Amino acid sequence: MAESIPQFYKRIQPDNSQPATSYSREKPYFNIFSRACNFGTVQFSYREFYKVTLVIGVGRLYYADKWILVDRPALMFSNPLVPYAWESISEEQNGMFCIFNEQFVLPEEKSGSLADTPLFKVTGDKVFFLNEEQVAKVLDIYAQMKAENETDYAGKFDVLRCYLHLLIHTALKMQDSNRYESHPNASQRIAELFIELLDRQFPVTDPHAVLALRTPADYANRLSVHVNHLNKVVKEVTGKTTSAMIAERVVKECTQHLLHSHLSISEIAYSLGFESVAYFSKFYRKHTGKSPSESREQSII
């Protein structure tokens, strides 16, 4: 099970119950912290939130199918699709990090110019080593983020997103010189690529653009593997079947449209690849216990 933001607070601040009572998955959330790690601690799990960390201290990062020795200051990126763990090697562990949820991320950022950045990609570099000048620059960005986050300015989330973009592009500038040893696993990589393909199809914003990949066979063909092999590795890596993961993501997208868009139920059904409204309704009820109309009645628009 993925660690939620309230569970994260309970782990790092056991006596602070405030985030558990005030946090809502439906609203944008952002916070920033000074970094400290217990010596030798390893926790390998999924998180429900994004995290961008300035690491000052020696340790090993374990994520997906790789481990990386971090032996000098670095920027690390994690997202909800990739499980990871940190093992402290040196007793001194410093730096900064920020966390934010899916609602903080703008849809155009996941499908536009930032789609291929380390924050959103399942595969690719997650660690970017820094020199002294870059460390100073990143610390300054975090300081400005912290100051902005403490204001009551109505548009502070927009400002914080700008600072986040600066952190991302600071890492991208180092991409050509970013070199480290990692240890890939073929099965895990196929599962990662499947998850990335699945996530990249959403959100669906055009009712006339039908979802391209709907079945496990569609994804297997795109990845050039046999569908049985894809099903096997996805089950091994995620604990879920390929069909279940596709259905979960489609149901999530359906619900978002039913609650927060002006698309008709037939437009939603067509855009997500259903041949008829009747089949869409049957599918949605099977996975949620409600009809699309019943969910739409809860709409806030």
Protein backbone atom coordinates (compact mmCIF):
# COMPACT_ATOMS: atom_id res chain seq x y z
CA MET A 1 0.00 0.00 0.00
CA ALA A 2 1.28 3.47 -0.86
CA GLU A 3 2.22 5.81 1.98
CA SER A 4 -0.14 8.79 2.17
CA ILE A 5 0.86 12.30 3.24
CA PRO A 6 -0.79 11.90 6.70
CA GLN A 7 1.09 8.60 7.15
CA PHE A 8 4.31 10.33 6.09
CA TYR A 9 3.79 12.96 8.80
CA LYS A 10 3.02 10.30 11.37
CA ARG A 11 6.30 8.58 10.48
CA ILE A 12 8.52 11.67 10.65
CA GLN A 13 6.56 13.63 13.27
CA PRO A 14 4.76 11.06 15.48
CA ASP A 15 3.43 13.72 17.88
CA ASN A 16 1.99 15.96 15.15
CA SER A 17 -1.57 14.91 14.28
CA GLN A 18 -2.53 18.15 12.51
CA PRO A 19 -1.77 17.07 8.90
CA ALA A 20 -3.82 13.89 9.35
CA THR A 21 -6.90 15.93 10.23
CA SER A 22 -6.47 18.83 7.78
CA TYR A 23 -5.11 17.12 4.65
CA SER A 24 -7.46 16.37 1.74
CA ARG A 25 -6.51 14.37 -1.35
CA GLU A 26 -8.94 16.51 -3.34
CA LYS A 27 -7.06 19.76 -2.71
CA PRO A 28 -3.57 20.88 -3.80
CA TYR A 29 -0.93 20.35 -1.13
CA PHE A 30 2.70 21.47 -0.87
CA ASN A 31 5.21 21.61 1.98
CA ILE A 32 8.95 21.93 2.45
CA PHE A 33 11.27 20.50 5.12
CA SER A 34 14.84 20.41 6.30
CA ARG A 35 16.24 16.94 5.74
CA ALA A 36 17.48 14.50 8.38
CA CYS A 37 17.65 10.68 8.13
CA ASN A 38 18.19 7.98 10.70
CA PHE A 39 21.49 6.18 10.16
CA GLY A 40 21.10 2.96 8.19
CA THR A 41 17.34 3.28 7.70
CA VAL A 42 15.80 1.59 4.63
CA GLN A 43 12.11 1.89 3.79
CA PHE A 44 11.15 0.58 0.37
CA SER A 45 7.61 1.51 -0.62
CA TYR A 46 5.34 3.51 -2.89
CA ARG A 47 4.30 7.01 -1.85
CA GLU A 48 1.12 8.82 -2.88
CA PHE A 49 3.05 12.05 -3.33
CA TYR A 50 5.89 13.59 -5.31
CA LYS A 51 9.16 14.46 -3.60
CA VAL A 52 12.17 16.54 -4.70
CA THR A 53 15.17 16.25 -2.38
CA LEU A 54 18.51 17.97 -2.03
CA VAL A 55 20.70 15.27 -0.50
CA ILE A 56 23.83 16.22 1.42
CA GLY A 57 25.26 13.03 2.86
CA VAL A 58 26.35 9.61 1.64
CA GLY A 59 23.82 6.84 1.04
CA ARG A 60 22.25 4.45 -1.42
CA LEU A 61 19.04 5.17 -3.29
CA TYR A 62 17.00 2.10 -4.21
CA TYR A 63 14.25 2.74 -6.76
CA ALA A 64 12.34 0.45 -9.08
CA ASP A 65 14.96 -1.91 -10.48
CA LYS A 66 18.11 0.09 -9.60
CA TRP A 67 20.33 1.19 -6.79
CA ILE A 68 22.65 4.17 -6.92
CA LEU A 69 25.51 5.20 -4.64
CA VAL A 70 25.01 8.86 -3.75
CA ASP A 71 28.43 9.93 -2.49
CA ARG A 72 28.20 13.70 -3.09
CA PRO A 73 25.46 16.37 -3.04
CA ALA A 74 22.60 15.53 -5.38
CA LEU A 75 19.05 16.37 -6.40
CA MET A 76 16.71 13.37 -6.22
CA PHE A 77 13.25 13.09 -7.79
CA SER A 78 10.52 10.62 -6.86
CA ASN A 79 6.93 10.24 -8.02
CA PRO A 80 3.97 8.06 -6.97
CA LEU A 81 4.58 5.52 -9.74
CA VAL A 82 8.04 4.41 -8.57
CA PRO A 83 8.77 2.79 -5.18
CA TYR A 84 12.03 3.83 -3.57
CA ALA A 85 14.11 3.61 -0.40
CA TRP A 86 17.03 5.49 1.07
CA GLU A 87 19.83 3.86 3.06
CA SER A 88 22.02 6.30 4.99
CA ILE A 89 25.72 5.43 5.01
CA SER A 90 27.23 8.56 6.57
CA GLU A 91 25.89 9.72 9.94
CA GLU A 92 25.64 13.31 8.72
CA GLN A 93 22.55 13.69 6.54
CA ASN A 94 21.46 17.20 5.58
CA GLY A 95 19.67 19.06 2.82
CA MET A 96 16.08 20.05 2.00
CA PHE A 97 13.07 18.45 0.39
CA CYS A 98 9.57 19.35 -0.72
CA ILE A 99 6.52 17.14 -1.13
CA PHE A 100 3.30 17.75 -3.05
CA ASN A 101 0.28 15.77 -4.17
CA GLU A 102 -1.29 15.03 -7.56
CA GLN A 103 -3.72 17.95 -7.22
CA PHE A 104 -0.81 20.40 -6.95
CA VAL A 105 0.40 19.29 -10.39
CA LEU A 106 -1.27 21.02 -13.32
CA PRO A 107 -2.53 18.66 -16.08
CA GLU A 108 -0.58 20.53 -18.77
CA GLU A 109 2.65 19.91 -16.85
CA LYS A 110 2.27 16.13 -17.10
CA SER A 111 1.44 16.17 -20.80
CA GLY A 112 3.38 19.23 -21.96
CA SER A 113 6.92 20.55 -21.68
CA LEU A 114 7.65 18.86 -18.34
CA ALA A 115 6.35 15.42 -19.35
CA ASP A 116 9.84 14.08 -20.13
CA THR A 117 11.48 15.45 -17.00
CA PRO A 118 12.69 13.32 -14.06
CA LEU A 119 9.70 14.39 -11.97
CA PHE A 120 7.12 12.66 -14.17
CA LYS A 121 9.00 9.94 -16.06
CA VAL A 122 8.93 6.43 -14.67
CA THR A 123 12.20 5.53 -16.36
CA GLY A 124 15.35 7.61 -16.69
CA ASP A 125 17.62 9.45 -14.27
CA LYS A 126 16.36 10.14 -10.77
CA VAL A 127 19.61 11.44 -9.25
CA PHE A 128 21.55 14.49 -10.43
CA PHE A 129 24.88 15.29 -8.80
CA LEU A 130 25.71 18.90 -7.94
CA ASN A 131 28.88 20.95 -7.65
CA GLU A 132 29.33 23.61 -4.94
CA GLU A 133 27.88 26.41 -7.07
CA GLN A 134 24.83 24.34 -7.95
CA VAL A 135 24.27 23.34 -4.31
CA ALA A 136 24.25 27.03 -3.34
CA LYS A 137 21.75 27.78 -6.13
CA VAL A 138 19.45 24.91 -5.13
CA LEU A 139 19.59 25.88 -1.44
CA ASP A 140 18.58 29.41 -2.44
CA ILE A 141 15.60 28.08 -4.41
CA TYR A 142 14.48 26.00 -1.43
CA ALA A 143 14.84 29.03 0.86
CA GLN A 144 12.62 31.08 -1.45
CA MET A 145 10.11 28.23 -1.65
CA LYS A 146 9.99 28.00 2.14
CA ALA A 147 9.45 31.74 2.51
CA GLU A 148 6.70 31.73 -0.14
CA ASN A 149 4.96 28.73 1.39
CA GLU A 150 4.63 30.58 4.69
CA THR A 151 2.77 33.51 3.11
CA ASP A 152 -0.99 33.97 2.80
CA TYR A 153 -0.73 35.07 -0.83
CA ALA A 154 -3.68 33.68 -2.80
CA GLY A 155 -1.49 32.74 -5.76
CA LYS A 156 1.35 31.16 -3.81
CA PHE A 157 0.86 27.72 -5.40
CA ASP A 158 1.55 29.30 -8.81
CA VAL A 159 4.74 30.85 -7.43
CA LEU A 160 5.77 27.54 -5.85
CA ARG A 161 5.26 25.77 -9.19
CA CYS A 162 7.65 28.28 -10.77
CA TYR A 163 10.30 27.46 -8.17
CA LEU A 164 9.66 23.76 -8.76
CA HIS A 165 10.27 24.30 -12.48
CA LEU A 166 13.59 25.95 -11.60
CA LEU A 167 14.64 22.87 -9.62
CA ILE A 168 13.67 20.58 -12.49
CA HIS A 169 15.53 22.61 -15.09
CA THR A 170 18.58 22.87 -12.84
CA ALA A 171 18.69 19.07 -12.98
CA LEU A 172 18.08 18.92 -16.74
CA LYS A 173 21.03 21.23 -17.37
CA MET A 174 23.24 18.58 -15.75
CA GLN A 175 21.81 15.66 -17.74
CA ASP A 176 24.73 15.27 -20.15
CA SER A 177 27.28 15.18 -17.33
CA ASN A 178 25.18 13.06 -14.97
CA ARG A 179 26.90 9.70 -14.72
CA TYR A 180 26.53 6.97 -12.13
CA GLU A 181 26.42 3.18 -11.97
CA SER A 182 23.02 1.53 -11.75
CA HIS A 183 21.82 -2.04 -12.01
CA PRO A 184 18.74 -2.59 -14.23
CA ASN A 185 16.39 -5.56 -14.25
CA ALA A 186 14.64 -6.43 -17.54
CA SER A 187 11.32 -7.54 -16.05
CA GLN A 188 11.08 -4.52 -13.79
CA ARG A 189 11.86 -2.23 -16.71
CA ILE A 190 9.01 -3.69 -18.80
CA ALA A 191 6.61 -3.12 -15.90
CA GLU A 192 7.87 0.46 -15.53
CA LEU A 193 7.36 1.15 -19.21
CA PHE A 194 3.83 -0.27 -19.04
CA ILE A 195 2.99 2.02 -16.10
CA GLU A 196 4.46 4.99 -17.92
CA LEU A 197 2.47 4.25 -21.08
CA LEU A 198 -0.69 3.88 -19.01
CA ASP A 199 -0.14 7.13 -17.13
CA ARG A 200 0.79 9.08 -20.26
CA GLN A 201 -2.63 8.52 -21.80
CA PHE A 202 -4.28 10.67 -19.16
CA PRO A 203 -5.89 13.05 -18.63
CA VAL A 204 -8.18 12.73 -21.66
CA THR A 205 -9.32 16.27 -22.42
CA ASP A 206 -10.67 15.89 -25.96
CA PRO A 207 -13.91 13.88 -26.28
CA HIS A 208 -13.08 13.22 -29.94
CA ALA A 209 -9.64 11.72 -29.19
CA VAL A 210 -10.36 8.07 -28.41
CA LEU A 211 -8.07 6.33 -25.91
CA ALA A 212 -5.42 4.55 -27.98
CA LEU A 213 -4.44 1.73 -25.59
CA ARG A 214 -7.32 -0.10 -23.89
CA THR A 215 -6.29 -3.74 -23.41
CA PRO A 216 -3.22 -5.64 -22.16
CA ALA A 217 -2.63 -6.75 -25.75
CA ASP A 218 -2.54 -3.12 -26.89
CA TYR A 219 0.21 -2.36 -24.38
CA ALA A 220 2.11 -5.56 -25.18
CA ASN A 221 2.13 -4.70 -28.87
CA ARG A 222 3.41 -1.21 -28.13
CA LEU A 223 6.18 -2.64 -25.93
CA SER A 224 7.01 -5.43 -28.41
CA VAL A 225 6.52 -8.23 -25.87
CA HIS A 226 4.08 -11.13 -25.68
CA VAL A 227 0.96 -10.27 -23.69
CA ASN A 228 1.49 -13.25 -21.37
CA HIS A 229 4.98 -12.00 -20.51
CA LEU A 230 3.64 -8.49 -19.85
CA ASN A 231 0.94 -9.89 -17.57
CA LYS A 232 3.52 -11.96 -15.69
CA VAL A 233 6.02 -9.15 -15.01
CA VAL A 234 3.35 -6.57 -14.12
CA LYS A 235 1.85 -8.99 -11.59
CA GLU A 236 5.31 -9.74 -10.14
CA VAL A 237 6.27 -6.08 -9.80
CA THR A 238 2.98 -4.45 -8.76
CA GLY A 239 0.97 -7.29 -7.25
CA LYS A 240 -1.87 -6.40 -9.62
CA THR A 241 -2.91 -7.76 -13.00
CA THR A 242 -2.42 -5.68 -16.12
CA SER A 243 -6.18 -5.59 -16.68
CA ALA A 244 -6.81 -4.42 -13.10
CA MET A 245 -4.33 -1.57 -13.41
CA ILE A 246 -5.84 -0.42 -16.71
CA ALA A 247 -9.35 -0.61 -15.25
CA GLU A 248 -8.36 1.33 -12.12
CA ARG A 249 -6.86 4.14 -14.17
CA VAL A 250 -9.84 4.29 -16.53
CA VAL A 251 -12.28 4.37 -13.59
CA LYS A 252 -10.29 7.21 -12.03
CA GLU A 253 -10.46 9.18 -15.27
CA CYS A 254 -14.19 8.46 -15.63
CA THR A 255 -14.86 9.72 -12.13
CA GLN A 256 -12.83 12.88 -12.67
CA HIS A 257 -14.87 13.70 -15.77
CA LEU A 258 -18.18 12.85 -14.14
CA LEU A 259 -17.46 15.10 -11.17
CA HIS A 260 -15.47 17.92 -12.69
CA SER A 261 -16.15 18.25 -16.44
CA HIS A 262 -19.01 19.34 -18.66
CA LEU A 263 -18.65 16.33 -20.97
CA SER A 264 -21.78 14.28 -21.36
CA ILE A 265 -21.77 10.65 -20.20
CA SER A 266 -21.78 9.49 -23.83
CA GLU A 267 -18.79 11.76 -24.63
CA ILE A 268 -16.89 10.37 -21.65
CA ALA A 269 -17.68 6.81 -22.70
CA TYR A 270 -16.54 7.37 -26.29
CA SER A 271 -13.34 9.21 -25.37
CA LEU A 272 -12.31 6.35 -23.09
CA GLY A 273 -12.84 3.73 -25.78
CA PHE A 274 -16.23 2.28 -24.85
CA GLU A 275 -18.40 1.20 -27.77
CA SER A 276 -21.67 2.12 -26.06
CA VAL A 277 -23.01 4.00 -23.07
CA ALA A 278 -24.59 0.77 -21.83
CA TYR A 279 -21.21 -1.02 -21.78
CA PHE A 280 -19.59 2.00 -20.12
CA SER A 281 -22.30 2.06 -17.43
CA LYS A 282 -21.89 -1.65 -16.77
CA PHE A 283 -18.09 -1.30 -16.50
CA TYR A 284 -18.32 1.71 -14.18
CA ARG A 285 -20.89 0.10 -11.88
CA LYS A 286 -18.82 -3.08 -11.68
CA HIS A 287 -15.80 -1.16 -10.37
CA THR A 288 -17.47 1.52 -8.23
CA GLY A 289 -20.88 0.17 -7.23
CA LYS A 290 -22.49 3.26 -8.75
CA SER A 291 -23.85 4.18 -12.13
CA PRO A 292 -22.24 7.11 -14.00
CA SER A 293 -25.42 9.12 -13.41
CA GLU A 294 -25.24 8.53 -9.67
CA SER A 295 -21.65 9.77 -9.57
CA ARG A 296 -22.51 12.78 -11.71
CA GLU A 297 -25.15 13.79 -9.16
CA GLN A 298 -22.26 14.52 -6.76
CA SER A 299 -20.69 16.90 -9.28
CA ILE A 300 -19.45 20.25 -7.94
CA ILE A 301 -19.59 22.05 -11.30
